[in-house]
Amino acid sequence: GAEWKWLHPVDGVDPEVHEPGFHERFYTSDYDDSAWQTGTESRWLTGFGYGDPVAISIGEPASGERNTAYFRARFRTRQNYRGLIFACYRDDGIVVYIDGKEVARDNMPDAPDSYLGTAAAVIGSDAETAMIGIKIPEGLPAGEHVLAISVHNASPSSSDLRLGNVRLYGTL
């Protein structure tokens, strides 16, 4: 039930073209996301995206322009955590940031995050809604935080993109 903000350049334009330095800032706590779309994820439905059934459609670009979508959520913790576990389902690859620092990636090559960056492999069928879990050894202090995620297709002609059931668990 978290409120998410998202930016999905459905016209196929790299955000870096319109906002130089975008890829070095969209995941920071002080980034201005006030112009982004807003929606609340349903715990029981199929997340954000396009192509396959989703709870919230973020718009479907033309084939050949289906690259990356960006998501941000603010949250508050009441206590300190020694480590974290990030969980979600995704189609195809993700890069995860907390408070401006990359903390995890799944199905993405070891390369700088960019709008034209592609996932390492196609995620299909039941794997699109299978939960993944990633252990994050860094701790998290009590307070306000920003979780940011870039979701990448394996190909700009991919038929779908999805992010859903995002969870962040703290370990004591």
Protein backbone atom coordinates (compact mmCIF):
# COMPACT_ATOMS: atom_id res chain seq x y z
CA GLY A 1 0.00 0.00 0.00
CA ALA A 2 2.95 2.38 -0.33
CA GLU A 3 2.64 5.54 -2.38
CA TRP A 4 5.08 5.54 -5.28
CA LYS A 5 6.17 8.19 -7.73
CA TRP A 6 7.29 7.17 -11.19
CA LEU A 7 8.80 8.61 -14.31
CA HIS A 8 8.40 6.65 -17.50
CA PRO A 9 9.51 8.43 -20.66
CA VAL A 10 6.80 6.97 -22.89
CA ASP A 11 8.02 9.08 -25.80
CA GLY A 12 11.34 7.20 -25.79
CA VAL A 13 13.39 10.22 -24.75
CA ASP A 14 16.31 9.71 -22.39
CA PRO A 15 15.63 11.89 -19.29
CA GLU A 16 19.30 12.89 -19.34
CA VAL A 17 18.63 14.87 -22.53
CA HIS A 18 16.07 17.09 -20.77
CA GLU A 19 17.69 17.13 -17.35
CA PRO A 20 21.49 16.85 -17.46
CA GLY A 21 22.79 14.79 -14.54
CA PHE A 22 19.46 12.98 -14.09
CA HIS A 23 21.10 9.57 -13.68
CA GLU A 24 23.32 10.86 -10.88
CA ARG A 25 20.42 12.47 -8.98
CA PHE A 26 17.05 10.74 -9.43
CA TYR A 27 17.78 8.41 -6.52
CA THR A 28 18.93 11.05 -4.01
CA SER A 29 16.83 12.18 -1.05
CA ASP A 30 16.64 15.80 -2.19
CA TYR A 31 15.72 15.14 -5.83
CA ASP A 32 12.55 17.02 -6.84
CA ASP A 33 10.06 14.37 -8.02
CA SER A 34 7.01 16.65 -7.70
CA ALA A 35 6.28 16.44 -11.46
CA TRP A 36 6.34 12.62 -11.48
CA GLN A 37 3.18 10.49 -11.62
CA THR A 38 1.87 9.14 -8.30
CA GLY A 39 0.09 5.90 -7.44
CA THR A 40 -0.46 3.51 -4.57
CA GLU A 41 0.51 -0.09 -5.07
CA SER A 42 -2.09 -2.67 -4.18
CA ARG A 43 -0.78 -5.48 -2.03
CA TRP A 44 -2.84 -8.05 -3.93
CA LEU A 45 -2.58 -6.88 -7.54
CA THR A 46 0.24 -7.00 -10.02
CA GLY A 47 2.18 -3.76 -9.54
CA PHE A 48 3.18 -1.01 -11.93
CA GLY A 49 4.04 -1.42 -15.60
CA TYR A 50 2.56 -2.25 -18.97
CA GLY A 51 2.10 -5.16 -21.37
CA ASP A 52 0.84 -7.79 -18.95
CA PRO A 53 -2.03 -7.18 -16.53
CA VAL A 54 -0.89 -4.60 -13.97
CA ALA A 55 -2.71 -2.69 -11.24
CA ILE A 56 -1.30 0.65 -12.41
CA SER A 57 -0.38 1.28 -16.04
CA ILE A 58 2.57 3.63 -16.46
CA GLY A 59 2.00 4.00 -20.22
CA GLU A 60 3.29 1.83 -23.05
CA PRO A 61 5.90 3.32 -25.38
CA ALA A 62 6.22 2.37 -29.02
CA SER A 63 8.19 -0.81 -29.74
CA GLY A 64 11.87 0.03 -29.96
CA GLU A 65 11.53 2.72 -27.26
CA ARG A 66 10.76 0.49 -24.26
CA ASN A 67 13.82 1.05 -22.13
CA THR A 68 13.64 2.12 -18.49
CA ALA A 69 11.17 3.37 -15.89
CA TYR A 70 12.05 5.06 -12.59
CA PHE A 71 10.31 4.71 -9.23
CA ARG A 72 10.66 6.47 -5.88
CA ALA A 73 9.01 6.03 -2.48
CA ARG A 74 9.59 7.86 0.78
CA PHE A 75 9.35 5.89 4.01
CA ARG A 76 10.12 6.23 7.69
CA THR A 77 11.76 3.80 10.09
CA ARG A 78 11.32 4.03 13.85
CA GLN A 79 14.44 2.10 14.80
CA ASN A 80 17.93 1.33 13.56
CA TYR A 81 18.50 -1.79 11.46
CA ARG A 82 21.78 -3.67 11.11
CA GLY A 83 20.88 -5.02 7.68
CA LEU A 84 18.05 -5.14 5.16
CA ILE A 85 16.34 -7.55 2.82
CA PHE A 86 14.86 -6.07 -0.34
CA ALA A 87 12.12 -8.09 -2.06
CA CYS A 88 9.97 -7.56 -5.16
CA TYR A 89 9.06 -9.03 -8.48
CA ARG A 90 10.43 -7.43 -11.61
CA ASP A 91 10.44 -7.73 -15.36
CA ASP A 92 13.29 -7.59 -16.43
CA GLY A 93 16.14 -5.98 -14.37
CA ILE A 94 16.41 -3.54 -11.48
CA VAL A 95 18.90 -1.23 -9.79
CA VAL A 96 17.95 -0.31 -6.20
CA TYR A 97 19.02 2.78 -4.26
CA ILE A 98 18.42 3.89 -0.68
CA ASP A 99 19.13 7.50 0.26
CA GLY A 100 21.26 8.11 -2.81
CA LYS A 101 23.39 4.97 -2.62
CA GLU A 102 23.12 1.92 -4.85
CA VAL A 103 22.44 -1.04 -2.56
CA ALA A 104 21.36 -3.83 -4.91
CA ARG A 105 20.82 -4.88 -8.49
CA ASP A 106 19.24 -7.92 -10.07
CA ASN A 107 19.56 -9.16 -13.64
CA MET A 108 21.63 -6.11 -14.57
CA PRO A 109 25.20 -5.97 -15.86
CA ASP A 110 27.89 -4.30 -13.80
CA ALA A 111 27.73 -0.98 -15.66
CA PRO A 112 26.56 2.54 -14.88
CA ASP A 113 22.79 2.89 -14.59
CA SER A 114 21.35 4.63 -17.65
CA TYR A 115 18.10 4.99 -19.57
CA LEU A 116 19.48 2.94 -22.46
CA GLY A 117 20.96 0.27 -20.16
CA THR A 118 19.40 -3.15 -20.67
CA ALA A 119 18.77 -6.07 -18.36
CA ALA A 120 21.09 -9.05 -18.71
CA ALA A 121 18.30 -11.48 -19.68
CA VAL A 122 14.59 -11.64 -20.39
CA ILE A 123 12.40 -12.54 -17.41
CA GLY A 124 9.32 -14.36 -18.65
CA SER A 125 6.29 -16.44 -17.71
CA ASP A 126 5.89 -17.23 -14.01
CA ALA A 127 9.27 -15.63 -13.20
CA GLU A 128 7.70 -12.21 -13.88
CA THR A 129 5.65 -12.47 -10.69
CA ALA A 130 8.04 -14.59 -8.63
CA MET A 131 9.38 -12.76 -5.59
CA ILE A 132 13.12 -12.22 -5.46
CA GLY A 133 14.97 -11.38 -2.27
CA ILE A 134 18.29 -9.55 -2.02
CA LYS A 135 20.24 -9.29 1.22
CA ILE A 136 21.63 -5.80 1.84
CA PRO A 137 24.34 -5.90 4.52
CA GLU A 138 24.35 -2.14 5.12
CA GLY A 139 22.34 -0.88 8.04
CA LEU A 140 19.66 1.79 8.09
CA PRO A 141 19.25 4.37 10.85
CA ALA A 142 15.87 5.44 12.20
CA GLY A 143 14.34 8.33 10.26
CA GLU A 144 13.14 9.42 6.83
CA HIS A 145 14.44 7.58 3.77
CA VAL A 146 14.02 7.36 -0.01
CA LEU A 147 13.89 4.07 -1.90
CA ALA A 148 14.50 4.53 -5.64
CA ILE A 149 14.46 1.84 -8.33
CA SER A 150 15.22 1.87 -12.03
CA VAL A 151 13.51 -0.95 -13.94
CA HIS A 152 15.08 -2.01 -17.24
CA ASN A 153 13.87 -4.12 -20.13
CA ALA A 154 16.21 -6.63 -21.74
CA SER A 155 15.36 -5.11 -25.13
CA PRO A 156 13.81 -1.82 -26.28
CA SER A 157 11.23 -3.92 -28.16
CA SER A 158 10.14 -5.89 -25.06
CA SER A 159 6.39 -6.40 -24.79
CA ASP A 160 6.20 -5.65 -21.06
CA LEU A 161 7.78 -4.06 -18.00
CA ARG A 162 6.77 -4.55 -14.38
CA LEU A 163 7.66 -3.76 -10.77
CA GLY A 164 5.50 -5.03 -7.96
CA ASN A 165 5.07 -6.14 -4.38
CA VAL A 166 8.11 -4.13 -3.27
CA ARG A 167 9.15 -4.87 0.32
CA LEU A 168 12.03 -3.76 2.49
CA TYR A 169 12.59 -5.75 5.68
CA GLY A 170 14.93 -4.62 8.44
CA THR A 171 17.13 -7.04 10.36
CA LEU A 172 18.15 -6.27 13.94
